[in-house]
Amino acid sequence: MFPDLVYREGRKGEDLRVKFDRICCDVPCSSDAAIRKIPQKWPQWKPNDSQSLHPLQFTILKRGIELLKVGGKITYSTCSLNPIENEAVVAAALKEYPGQIRLL
């Protein structure tokens, strides 16, 4: 995970962590959408690959949100078509940060 970076020492309670205007979260995925281009992936592919990756994908997206400036933009991407890796991760983030992030 990307570490917290601090501008300088500040007063107690002051948040001086470095925040970013734009963040791209290109997370590890099951590659089910790219499998036609990666035939050697077929023997290892399992239907539950997406379920096992969901927690990691969500953790990465949450960390990206924590590092984002107010008004910044974050992109979440996978090379998967599976809703567990895409829509479900984004829906979990919207639920975790109500009123703090919005879907564009």
Protein backbone atom coordinates (compact mmCIF):
# COMPACT_ATOMS: atom_id res chain seq x y z
CA MET A 1 0.00 0.00 0.00
CA PHE A 2 1.03 3.56 -0.64
CA PRO A 3 2.37 5.14 2.57
CA ASP A 4 1.12 8.35 4.15
CA LEU A 5 3.34 11.29 3.20
CA VAL A 6 3.38 14.39 5.39
CA TYR A 7 4.08 17.99 4.27
CA ARG A 8 5.64 19.12 7.54
CA GLU A 9 5.08 18.96 11.27
CA GLY A 10 1.93 20.84 12.19
CA ARG A 11 -0.28 21.66 15.10
CA LYS A 12 -1.97 18.85 16.95
CA GLY A 13 -5.06 17.62 15.10
CA GLU A 14 -4.00 19.22 11.81
CA ASP A 15 -4.10 16.82 8.82
CA LEU A 16 -0.96 17.47 6.81
CA ARG A 17 -0.95 14.29 4.77
CA VAL A 18 -0.21 14.63 1.06
CA LYS A 19 -3.38 14.22 -1.02
CA PHE A 20 -3.68 13.75 -4.77
CA ASP A 21 -5.86 15.41 -7.43
CA ARG A 22 -6.16 12.28 -9.56
CA ILE A 23 -5.72 8.60 -8.68
CA CYS A 24 -5.99 5.52 -10.88
CA CYS A 25 -6.67 2.22 -9.12
CA ASP A 26 -5.86 -0.48 -11.68
CA VAL A 27 -6.40 -3.41 -9.34
CA PRO A 28 -5.40 -7.08 -9.65
CA CYS A 29 -8.26 -9.08 -11.11
CA SER A 30 -9.30 -12.47 -12.44
CA SER A 31 -8.66 -11.29 -16.04
CA ASP A 32 -11.82 -12.99 -17.24
CA ALA A 33 -12.35 -10.32 -19.91
CA ALA A 34 -8.81 -10.76 -21.22
CA ILE A 35 -8.82 -14.55 -21.12
CA ARG A 36 -9.33 -14.79 -24.88
CA LYS A 37 -5.91 -13.12 -25.27
CA ILE A 38 -4.32 -15.23 -22.50
CA PRO A 39 -5.20 -18.85 -23.36
CA GLN A 40 -2.75 -20.22 -20.74
CA LYS A 41 -4.99 -18.64 -18.08
CA TRP A 42 -7.89 -21.05 -18.79
CA PRO A 43 -6.48 -24.05 -16.87
CA GLN A 44 -6.09 -21.98 -13.66
CA TRP A 45 -9.33 -19.97 -13.96
CA LYS A 46 -12.03 -20.77 -11.38
CA PRO A 47 -15.50 -19.22 -11.00
CA ASN A 48 -14.71 -18.11 -7.43
CA ASP A 49 -11.56 -16.16 -8.44
CA SER A 50 -13.61 -12.97 -8.35
CA GLN A 51 -14.88 -13.58 -4.83
CA SER A 52 -11.38 -14.12 -3.50
CA LEU A 53 -10.13 -10.89 -5.13
CA HIS A 54 -13.00 -8.64 -4.00
CA PRO A 55 -11.55 -7.84 -0.52
CA LEU A 56 -8.16 -6.84 -1.96
CA GLN A 57 -9.76 -4.75 -4.69
CA PHE A 58 -11.96 -2.98 -2.14
CA THR A 59 -8.97 -2.33 0.13
CA ILE A 60 -7.02 -0.75 -2.72
CA LEU A 61 -9.97 1.43 -3.72
CA LYS A 62 -10.50 2.56 -0.11
CA ARG A 63 -6.82 3.50 0.18
CA GLY A 64 -7.10 5.49 -3.04
CA ILE A 65 -10.11 7.36 -1.64
CA GLU A 66 -8.18 8.15 1.56
CA LEU A 67 -5.34 9.64 -0.52
CA LEU A 68 -7.67 11.75 -2.71
CA LYS A 69 -8.08 15.50 -2.28
CA VAL A 70 -11.58 16.88 -1.83
CA GLY A 71 -12.87 17.46 -5.36
CA GLY A 72 -10.34 15.03 -6.82
CA LYS A 73 -11.14 12.20 -9.23
CA ILE A 74 -10.43 8.52 -8.83
CA THR A 75 -10.65 5.84 -11.52
CA TYR A 76 -11.22 2.20 -10.62
CA SER A 77 -10.42 -0.34 -13.32
CA THR A 78 -10.02 -4.06 -13.90
CA CYS A 79 -9.65 -6.26 -16.97
CA SER A 80 -12.62 -8.28 -15.77
CA LEU A 81 -16.28 -8.21 -16.75
CA ASN A 82 -17.37 -9.78 -13.48
CA PRO A 83 -19.78 -7.60 -11.44
CA ILE A 84 -18.19 -8.88 -8.19
CA GLU A 85 -14.93 -7.24 -9.24
CA ASN A 86 -16.47 -4.09 -10.66
CA GLU A 87 -19.93 -2.93 -9.65
CA ALA A 88 -19.82 -4.67 -6.25
CA VAL A 89 -16.50 -3.02 -5.31
CA VAL A 90 -17.73 0.43 -6.36
CA ALA A 91 -21.06 -0.12 -4.56
CA ALA A 92 -19.20 -1.11 -1.38
CA ALA A 93 -17.12 2.09 -1.59
CA LEU A 94 -20.24 4.23 -2.08
CA LYS A 95 -21.75 2.57 1.00
CA GLU A 96 -18.53 3.00 3.05
CA TYR A 97 -18.22 6.72 2.21
CA PRO A 98 -21.83 8.03 2.03
CA GLY A 99 -21.97 11.64 0.87
CA GLN A 100 -18.17 11.79 0.53
CA ILE A 101 -17.81 10.27 -2.94
CA ARG A 102 -20.08 10.11 -5.94
CA LEU A 103 -20.25 8.02 -9.06
CA LEU A 104 -19.69 9.79 -12.38
